[in-house]
Amino acid sequence: MHMIGQMLMMGLNLYSFAVLIYVLSSWIPNLRESNFGQMLGTIVEPYLEPFRKIIPSIGMIDISPIVAIIALQFASTGVAAIFF
């Protein structure tokens, strides 16, 4: 059980980093249009989409990825509480 918990925690942390990299890639011109950016988009966008439907943008600033990362951290805390 301990190993399953560690794997879930590692997966959630890696996904959090993927979301963060995807968000920061919007600051670099043409990075999201590259093969790497498109691959990362196919992994991250399905997770971010429900948050974007619930949380409106503030002007040109999209705060839904922040809420999505916080939700992943809550999930990571829950996994830690269950398995450890």
PDB file of N, CA and C in Angstrom:
ATOM      1  N   MET A   1       0.815  -1.199   0.000  1.00  0.00           N
ATOM      2  CA  MET A   1       0.000   0.000   0.000  1.00  0.00           C
ATOM      3  C   MET A   1       0.862   1.268   0.000  1.00  0.00           C
ATOM      4  N   HIS A   2       1.954   1.184   0.715  1.00  0.00           N
ATOM      5  CA  HIS A   2       2.839   2.339   0.807  1.00  0.00           C
ATOM      6  C   HIS A   2       3.395   2.707  -0.574  1.00  0.00           C
ATOM      7  N   MET A   3       3.731   1.705  -1.373  1.00  0.00           N
ATOM      8  CA  MET A   3       4.289   1.953  -2.702  1.00  0.00           C
ATOM      9  C   MET A   3       3.238   2.554  -3.638  1.00  0.00           C
ATOM     10  N   ILE A   4       2.001   2.092  -3.518  1.00  0.00           N
ATOM     11  CA  ILE A   4       0.913   2.656  -4.337  1.00  0.00           C
ATOM     12  C   ILE A   4       0.724   4.131  -4.000  1.00  0.00           C
ATOM     13  N   GLY A   5       0.761   4.455  -2.715  1.00  0.00           N
ATOM     14  CA  GLY A   5       0.635   5.847  -2.297  1.00  0.00           C
ATOM     15  C   GLY A   5       1.754   6.711  -2.834  1.00  0.00           C
ATOM     16  N   GLN A   6       2.974   6.183  -2.805  1.00  0.00           N
ATOM     17  CA  GLN A   6       4.104   6.933  -3.339  1.00  0.00           C
ATOM     18  C   GLN A   6       3.957   7.167  -4.839  1.00  0.00           C
ATOM     19  N   MET A   7       3.490   6.148  -5.557  1.00  0.00           N
ATOM     20  CA  MET A   7       3.312   6.300  -7.003  1.00  0.00           C
ATOM     21  C   MET A   7       2.220   7.319  -7.320  1.00  0.00           C
ATOM     22  N   LEU A   8       1.124   7.286  -6.567  1.00  0.00           N
ATOM     23  CA  LEU A   8       0.058   8.272  -6.779  1.00  0.00           C
ATOM     24  C   LEU A   8       0.550   9.686  -6.471  1.00  0.00           C
ATOM     25  N   MET A   9       1.296   9.832  -5.393  1.00  0.00           N
ATOM     26  CA  MET A   9       1.832  11.153  -5.048  1.00  0.00           C
ATOM     27  C   MET A   9       2.777  11.654  -6.132  1.00  0.00           C
ATOM     28  N   MET A  10       3.635  10.776  -6.642  1.00  0.00           N
ATOM     29  CA  MET A  10       4.565  11.167  -7.695  1.00  0.00           C
ATOM     30  C   MET A  10       3.803  11.545  -8.968  1.00  0.00           C
ATOM     31  N   GLY A  11       2.760  10.790  -9.299  1.00  0.00           N
ATOM     32  CA  GLY A  11       1.964  11.108 -10.478  1.00  0.00           C
ATOM     33  C   GLY A  11       1.261  12.452 -10.350  1.00  0.00           C
ATOM     34  N   LEU A  12       0.698  12.729  -9.177  1.00  0.00           N
ATOM     35  CA  LEU A  12       0.040  14.015  -8.964  1.00  0.00           C
ATOM     36  C   LEU A  12       1.041  15.167  -9.024  1.00  0.00           C
ATOM     37  N   ASN A  13       2.229  14.972  -8.461  1.00  0.00           N
ATOM     38  CA  ASN A  13       3.255  16.022  -8.521  1.00  0.00           C
ATOM     39  C   ASN A  13       3.729  16.257  -9.947  1.00  0.00           C
ATOM     40  N   LEU A  14       3.934  15.189 -10.708  1.00  0.00           N
ATOM     41  CA  LEU A  14       4.340  15.347 -12.106  1.00  0.00           C
ATOM     42  C   LEU A  14       3.265  16.064 -12.913  1.00  0.00           C
ATOM     43  N   TYR A  15       2.003  15.727 -12.650  1.00  0.00           N
ATOM     44  CA  TYR A  15       0.913  16.385 -13.374  1.00  0.00           C
ATOM     45  C   TYR A  15       0.829  17.861 -12.993  1.00  0.00           C
ATOM     46  N   SER A  16       1.085  18.179 -11.732  1.00  0.00           N
ATOM     47  CA  SER A  16       1.117  19.588 -11.309  1.00  0.00           C
ATOM     48  C   SER A  16       2.203  20.347 -12.055  1.00  0.00           C
ATOM     49  N   PHE A  17       3.370  19.726 -12.194  1.00  0.00           N
ATOM     50  CA  PHE A  17       4.449  20.365 -12.939  1.00  0.00           C
ATOM     51  C   PHE A  17       4.085  20.507 -14.415  1.00  0.00           C
ATOM     52  N   ALA A  18       3.390  19.524 -14.976  1.00  0.00           N
ATOM     53  CA  ALA A  18       2.969  19.611 -16.374  1.00  0.00           C
ATOM     54  C   ALA A  18       2.011  20.781 -16.571  1.00  0.00           C
ATOM     55  N   VAL A  19       1.084  20.958 -15.643  1.00  0.00           N
ATOM     56  CA  VAL A  19       0.148  22.092 -15.724  1.00  0.00           C
ATOM     57  C   VAL A  19       0.920  23.403 -15.619  1.00  0.00           C
ATOM     58  N   LEU A  20       1.863  23.467 -14.699  1.00  0.00           N
ATOM     59  CA  LEU A  20       2.651  24.687 -14.524  1.00  0.00           C
ATOM     60  C   LEU A  20       3.463  24.999 -15.774  1.00  0.00           C
ATOM     61  N   ILE A  21       4.099  24.002 -16.358  1.00  0.00           N
ATOM     62  CA  ILE A  21       4.875  24.216 -17.582  1.00  0.00           C
ATOM     63  C   ILE A  21       3.969  24.658 -18.721  1.00  0.00           C
ATOM     64  N   TYR A  22       2.778  24.067 -18.806  1.00  0.00           N
ATOM     65  CA  TYR A  22       1.838  24.439 -19.869  1.00  0.00           C
ATOM     66  C   TYR A  22       1.402  25.897 -19.712  1.00  0.00           C
ATOM     67  N   VAL A  23       1.144  26.303 -18.495  1.00  0.00           N
ATOM     68  CA  VAL A  23       0.732  27.691 -18.252  1.00  0.00           C
ATOM     69  C   VAL A  23       1.876  28.649 -18.573  1.00  0.00           C
ATOM     70  N   LEU A  24       3.072  28.325 -18.139  1.00  0.00           N
ATOM     71  CA  LEU A  24       4.215  29.203 -18.407  1.00  0.00           C
ATOM     72  C   LEU A  24       4.591  29.219 -19.882  1.00  0.00           C
ATOM     73  N   SER A  25       4.236  28.157 -20.608  1.00  0.00           N
ATOM     74  CA  SER A  25       4.560  28.125 -22.036  1.00  0.00           C
ATOM     75  C   SER A  25       3.763  29.155 -22.827  1.00  0.00           C
ATOM     76  N   SER A  26       2.710  29.689 -22.256  1.00  0.00           N
ATOM     77  CA  SER A  26       1.954  30.722 -22.959  1.00  0.00           C
ATOM     78  C   SER A  26       2.742  32.029 -23.032  1.00  0.00           C
ATOM     79  N   TRP A  27       3.760  32.171 -22.208  1.00  0.00           N
ATOM     80  CA  TRP A  27       4.575  33.385 -22.214  1.00  0.00           C
ATOM     81  C   TRP A  27       5.650  33.347 -23.282  1.00  0.00           C
ATOM     82  N   ILE A  28       5.943  32.160 -23.799  1.00  0.00           N
ATOM     83  CA  ILE A  28       7.001  32.016 -24.801  1.00  0.00           C
ATOM     84  C   ILE A  28       6.350  31.891 -26.174  1.00  0.00           C
ATOM     85  N   PRO A  29       6.674  32.790 -27.089  1.00  0.00           N
ATOM     86  CA  PRO A  29       6.022  32.763 -28.403  1.00  0.00           C
ATOM     87  C   PRO A  29       6.216  31.429 -29.121  1.00  0.00           C
ATOM     88  N   ASN A  30       5.144  30.935 -29.696  1.00  0.00           N
ATOM     89  CA  ASN A  30       5.113  29.735 -30.532  1.00  0.00           C
ATOM     90  C   ASN A  30       5.460  28.427 -29.819  1.00  0.00           C
ATOM     91  N   LEU A  31       5.600  28.436 -28.505  1.00  0.00           N
ATOM     92  CA  LEU A  31       5.921  27.184 -27.813  1.00  0.00           C
ATOM     93  C   LEU A  31       4.722  26.247 -27.784  1.00  0.00           C
ATOM     94  N   ARG A  32       3.527  26.793 -27.623  1.00  0.00           N
ATOM     95  CA  ARG A  32       2.337  25.934 -27.607  1.00  0.00           C
ATOM     96  C   ARG A  32       2.028  25.349 -28.985  1.00  0.00           C
ATOM     97  N   GLU A  33       2.531  25.958 -30.045  1.00  0.00           N
ATOM     98  CA  GLU A  33       2.314  25.444 -31.391  1.00  0.00           C
ATOM     99  C   GLU A  33       3.344  24.380 -31.773  1.00  0.00           C
ATOM    100  N   SER A  34       4.400  24.237 -30.975  1.00  0.00           N
ATOM    101  CA  SER A  34       5.417  23.223 -31.260  1.00  0.00           C
ATOM    102  C   SER A  34       4.865  21.836 -30.914  1.00  0.00           C
ATOM    103  N   ASN A  35       5.587  20.807 -31.304  1.00  0.00           N
ATOM    104  CA  ASN A  35       5.160  19.439 -30.998  1.00  0.00           C
ATOM    105  C   ASN A  35       5.066  19.209 -29.495  1.00  0.00           C
ATOM    106  N   PHE A  36       6.040  19.738 -28.756  1.00  0.00           N
ATOM    107  CA  PHE A  36       6.024  19.606 -27.303  1.00  0.00           C
ATOM    108  C   PHE A  36       4.805  20.298 -26.698  1.00  0.00           C
ATOM    109  N   GLY A  37       4.529  21.503 -27.146  1.00  0.00           N
ATOM    110  CA  GLY A  37       3.387  22.256 -26.637  1.00  0.00           C
ATOM    111  C   GLY A  37       2.067  21.595 -26.960  1.00  0.00           C
ATOM    112  N   GLN A  38       1.948  21.032 -28.156  1.00  0.00           N
ATOM    113  CA  GLN A  38       0.714  20.343 -28.525  1.00  0.00           C
ATOM    114  C   GLN A  38       0.532  19.065 -27.714  1.00  0.00           C
ATOM    115  N   MET A  39       1.621  18.324 -27.492  1.00  0.00           N
ATOM    116  CA  MET A  39       1.533  17.112 -26.685  1.00  0.00           C
ATOM    117  C   MET A  39       1.136  17.452 -25.246  1.00  0.00           C
ATOM    118  N   LEU A  40       1.759  18.485 -24.701  1.00  0.00           N
ATOM    119  CA  LEU A  40       1.433  18.912 -23.350  1.00  0.00           C
ATOM    120  C   LEU A  40      -0.011  19.405 -23.271  1.00  0.00           C
ATOM    121  N   GLY A  41      -0.473  20.072 -24.314  1.00  0.00           N
ATOM    122  CA  GLY A  41      -1.861  20.536 -24.361  1.00  0.00           C
ATOM    123  C   GLY A  41      -2.855  19.397 -24.357  1.00  0.00           C
ATOM    124  N   THR A  42      -2.560  18.315 -25.074  1.00  0.00           N
ATOM    125  CA  THR A  42      -3.473  17.170 -25.081  1.00  0.00           C
ATOM    126  C   THR A  42      -3.524  16.480 -23.727  1.00  0.00           C
ATOM    127  N   ILE A  43      -2.476  16.613 -22.944  1.00  0.00           N
ATOM    128  CA  ILE A  43      -2.453  16.016 -21.606  1.00  0.00           C
ATOM    129  C   ILE A  43      -3.146  16.911 -20.584  1.00  0.00           C
ATOM    130  N   VAL A  44      -2.934  18.216 -20.678  1.00  0.00           N
ATOM    131  CA  VAL A  44      -3.361  19.149 -19.638  1.00  0.00           C
ATOM    132  C   VAL A  44      -4.739  19.762 -19.898  1.00  0.00           C
ATOM    133  N   GLU A  45      -5.066  20.058 -21.148  1.00  0.00           N
ATOM    134  CA  GLU A  45      -6.320  20.763 -21.453  1.00  0.00           C
ATOM    135  C   GLU A  45      -7.581  20.039 -20.960  1.00  0.00           C
ATOM    136  N   PRO A  46      -7.697  18.715 -21.075  1.00  0.00           N
ATOM    137  CA  PRO A  46      -8.918  18.082 -20.550  1.00  0.00           C
ATOM    138  C   PRO A  46      -9.115  18.300 -19.046  1.00  0.00           C
ATOM    139  N   TYR A  47      -8.032  18.443 -18.299  1.00  0.00           N
ATOM    140  CA  TYR A  47      -8.136  18.716 -16.866  1.00  0.00           C
ATOM    141  C   TYR A  47      -8.496  20.173 -16.605  1.00  0.00           C
ATOM    142  N   LEU A  48      -7.939  21.094 -17.390  1.00  0.00           N
ATOM    143  CA  LEU A  48      -8.186  22.518 -17.165  1.00  0.00           C
ATOM    144  C   LEU A  48      -9.568  22.970 -17.651  1.00  0.00           C
ATOM    145  N   GLU A  49     -10.130  22.279 -18.622  1.00  0.00           N
ATOM    146  CA  GLU A  49     -11.395  22.711 -19.226  1.00  0.00           C
ATOM    147  C   GLU A  49     -12.544  22.869 -18.228  1.00  0.00           C
ATOM    148  N   PRO A  50     -12.786  21.923 -17.321  1.00  0.00           N
ATOM    149  CA  PRO A  50     -13.880  22.136 -16.356  1.00  0.00           C
ATOM    150  C   PRO A  50     -13.658  23.343 -15.452  1.00  0.00           C
ATOM    151  N   PHE A  51     -12.410  23.607 -15.099  1.00  0.00           N
ATOM    152  CA  PHE A  51     -12.114  24.777 -14.267  1.00  0.00           C
ATOM    153  C   PHE A  51     -12.378  26.068 -15.041  1.00  0.00           C
ATOM    154  N   ARG A  52     -12.084  26.064 -16.329  1.00  0.00           N
ATOM    155  CA  ARG A  52     -12.324  27.256 -17.150  1.00  0.00           C
ATOM    156  C   ARG A  52     -13.811  27.522 -17.323  1.00  0.00           C
ATOM    157  N   LYS A  53     -14.631  26.468 -17.309  1.00  0.00           N
ATOM    158  CA  LYS A  53     -16.080  26.654 -17.423  1.00  0.00           C
ATOM    159  C   LYS A  53     -16.652  27.270 -16.148  1.00  0.00           C
ATOM    160  N   ILE A  54     -16.072  26.943 -15.004  1.00  0.00           N
ATOM    161  CA  ILE A  54     -16.587  27.418 -13.715  1.00  0.00           C
ATOM    162  C   ILE A  54     -16.042  28.797 -13.359  1.00  0.00           C
ATOM    163  N   ILE A  55     -14.747  29.000 -13.596  1.00  0.00           N
ATOM    164  CA  ILE A  55     -14.077  30.225 -13.160  1.00  0.00           C
ATOM    165  C   ILE A  55     -13.869  31.144 -14.358  1.00  0.00           C
ATOM    166  N   PRO A  56     -14.493  32.308 -14.353  1.00  0.00           N
ATOM    167  CA  PRO A  56     -14.308  33.222 -15.494  1.00  0.00           C
ATOM    168  C   PRO A  56     -12.940  33.897 -15.451  1.00  0.00           C
ATOM    169  N   SER A  57     -12.489  34.316 -16.609  1.00  0.00           N
ATOM    170  CA  SER A  57     -11.227  35.057 -16.700  1.00  0.00           C
ATOM    171  C   SER A  57     -11.417  36.451 -16.140  1.00  0.00           C
ATOM    172  N   ILE A  58     -10.357  36.983 -15.584  1.00  0.00           N
ATOM    173  CA  ILE A  58     -10.365  38.358 -15.090  1.00  0.00           C
ATOM    174  C   ILE A  58      -9.608  39.186 -16.112  1.00  0.00           C
ATOM    175  N   GLY A  59     -10.342  39.828 -16.996  1.00  0.00           N
ATOM    176  CA  GLY A  59      -9.712  40.550 -18.093  1.00  0.00           C
ATOM    177  C   GLY A  59      -9.047  39.554 -19.021  1.00  0.00           C
ATOM    178  N   MET A  60      -7.750  39.678 -19.193  1.00  0.00           N
ATOM    179  CA  MET A  60      -7.007  38.733 -20.036  1.00  0.00           C
ATOM    180  C   MET A  60      -6.273  37.692 -19.192  1.00  0.00           C
ATOM    181  N   ILE A  61      -6.532  37.671 -17.886  1.00  0.00           N
ATOM    182  CA  ILE A  61      -5.835  36.757 -16.988  1.00  0.00           C
ATOM    183  C   ILE A  61      -6.746  35.582 -16.654  1.00  0.00           C
ATOM    184  N   ASP A  62      -6.261  34.385 -16.924  1.00  0.00           N
ATOM    185  CA  ASP A  62      -7.000  33.161 -16.645  1.00  0.00           C
ATOM    186  C   ASP A  62      -6.463  32.577 -15.343  1.00  0.00           C
ATOM    187  N   ILE A  63      -7.283  32.619 -14.285  1.00  0.00           N
ATOM    188  CA  ILE A  63      -6.831  32.114 -12.991  1.00  0.00           C
ATOM    189  C   ILE A  63      -7.224  30.659 -12.760  1.00  0.00           C
ATOM    190  N   SER A  64      -7.902  30.046 -13.711  1.00  0.00           N
ATOM    191  CA  SER A  64      -8.324  28.660 -13.530  1.00  0.00           C
ATOM    192  C   SER A  64      -7.157  27.686 -13.360  1.00  0.00           C
ATOM    193  N   PRO A  65      -6.006  27.872 -14.010  1.00  0.00           N
ATOM    194  CA  PRO A  65      -4.896  26.946 -13.749  1.00  0.00           C
ATOM    195  C   PRO A  65      -4.394  26.997 -12.303  1.00  0.00           C
ATOM    196  N   ILE A  66      -4.486  28.164 -11.674  1.00  0.00           N
ATOM    197  CA  ILE A  66      -4.078  28.272 -10.271  1.00  0.00           C
ATOM    198  C   ILE A  66      -4.986  27.418  -9.411  1.00  0.00           C
ATOM    199  N   VAL A  67      -6.287  27.511  -9.650  1.00  0.00           N
ATOM    200  CA  VAL A  67      -7.250  26.707  -8.902  1.00  0.00           C
ATOM    201  C   VAL A  67      -7.053  25.227  -9.203  1.00  0.00           C
ATOM    202  N   ALA A  68      -6.736  24.898 -10.445  1.00  0.00           N
ATOM    203  CA  ALA A  68      -6.504  23.501 -10.819  1.00  0.00           C
ATOM    204  C   ALA A  68      -5.276  22.942 -10.102  1.00  0.00           C
ATOM    205  N   ILE A  69      -4.215  23.715  -9.982  1.00  0.00           N
ATOM    206  CA  ILE A  69      -3.022  23.262  -9.274  1.00  0.00           C
ATOM    207  C   ILE A  69      -3.315  23.117  -7.782  1.00  0.00           C
ATOM    208  N   ILE A  70      -4.087  24.027  -7.218  1.00  0.00           N
ATOM    209  CA  ILE A  70      -4.476  23.912  -5.811  1.00  0.00           C
ATOM    210  C   ILE A  70      -5.301  22.647  -5.596  1.00  0.00           C
ATOM    211  N   ALA A  71      -6.195  22.327  -6.529  1.00  0.00           N
ATOM    212  CA  ALA A  71      -6.986  21.100  -6.423  1.00  0.00           C
ATOM    213  C   ALA A  71      -6.088  19.863  -6.470  1.00  0.00           C
ATOM    214  N   LEU A  72      -5.070  19.884  -7.311  1.00  0.00           N
ATOM    215  CA  LEU A  72      -4.120  18.770  -7.352  1.00  0.00           C
ATOM    216  C   LEU A  72      -3.359  18.653  -6.037  1.00  0.00           C
ATOM    217  N   GLN A  73      -3.021  19.771  -5.424  1.00  0.00           N
ATOM    218  CA  GLN A  73      -2.329  19.718  -4.140  1.00  0.00           C
ATOM    219  C   GLN A  73      -3.236  19.173  -3.036  1.00  0.00           C
ATOM    220  N   PHE A  74      -4.529  19.527  -3.069  1.00  0.00           N
ATOM    221  CA  PHE A  74      -5.478  18.945  -2.125  1.00  0.00           C
ATOM    222  C   PHE A  74      -5.599  17.436  -2.335  1.00  0.00           C
ATOM    223  N   ALA A  75      -5.620  17.007  -3.589  1.00  0.00           N
ATOM    224  CA  ALA A  75      -5.682  15.571  -3.887  1.00  0.00           C
ATOM    225  C   ALA A  75      -4.428  14.879  -3.380  1.00  0.00           C
ATOM    226  N   SER A  76      -3.284  15.514  -3.536  1.00  0.00           N
ATOM    227  CA  SER A  76      -2.033  14.945  -3.055  1.00  0.00           C
ATOM    228  C   SER A  76      -2.054  14.820  -1.522  1.00  0.00           C
ATOM    229  N   THR A  77      -2.593  15.825  -0.845  1.00  0.00           N
ATOM    230  CA  THR A  77      -2.713  15.772   0.604  1.00  0.00           C
ATOM    231  C   THR A  77      -3.662  14.653   1.026  1.00  0.00           C
ATOM    232  N   GLY A  78      -4.743  14.481   0.275  1.00  0.00           N
ATOM    233  CA  GLY A  78      -5.682  13.392   0.572  1.00  0.00           C
ATOM    234  C   GLY A  78      -5.053  12.023   0.386  1.00  0.00           C
ATOM    235  N   VAL A  79      -4.266  11.874  -0.664  1.00  0.00           N
ATOM    236  CA  VAL A  79      -3.570  10.598  -0.903  1.00  0.00           C
ATOM    237  C   VAL A  79      -2.592  10.335   0.239  1.00  0.00           C
ATOM    238  N   ALA A  80      -1.888  11.369   0.667  1.00  0.00           N
ATOM    239  CA  ALA A  80      -0.947  11.204   1.764  1.00  0.00           C
ATOM    240  C   ALA A  80      -1.654  10.803   3.045  1.00  0.00           C
ATOM    241  N   ALA A  81      -2.828  11.382   3.297  1.00  0.00           N
ATOM    242  CA  ALA A  81      -3.568  11.058   4.515  1.00  0.00           C
ATOM    243  C   ALA A  81      -4.095   9.621   4.472  1.00  0.00           C
ATOM    244  N   ILE A  82      -4.462   9.146   3.290  1.00  0.00           N
ATOM    245  CA  ILE A  82      -5.021   7.808   3.169  1.00  0.00           C
ATOM    246  C   ILE A  82      -3.927   6.739   3.247  1.00  0.00           C
ATOM    247  N   PHE A  83      -2.844   6.941   2.529  1.00  0.00           N
ATOM    248  CA  PHE A  83      -1.836   5.889   2.395  1.00  0.00           C
ATOM    249  C   PHE A  83      -0.711   5.956   3.418  1.00  0.00           C
ATOM    250  N   PHE A  84      -0.530   7.115   4.056  1.00  0.00           N
ATOM    251  CA  PHE A  84       0.591   7.217   4.988  1.00  0.00           C
ATOM    252  C   PHE A  84       0.052   7.525   6.333  1.00  0.00           C
TER     253      PHE A  84
END
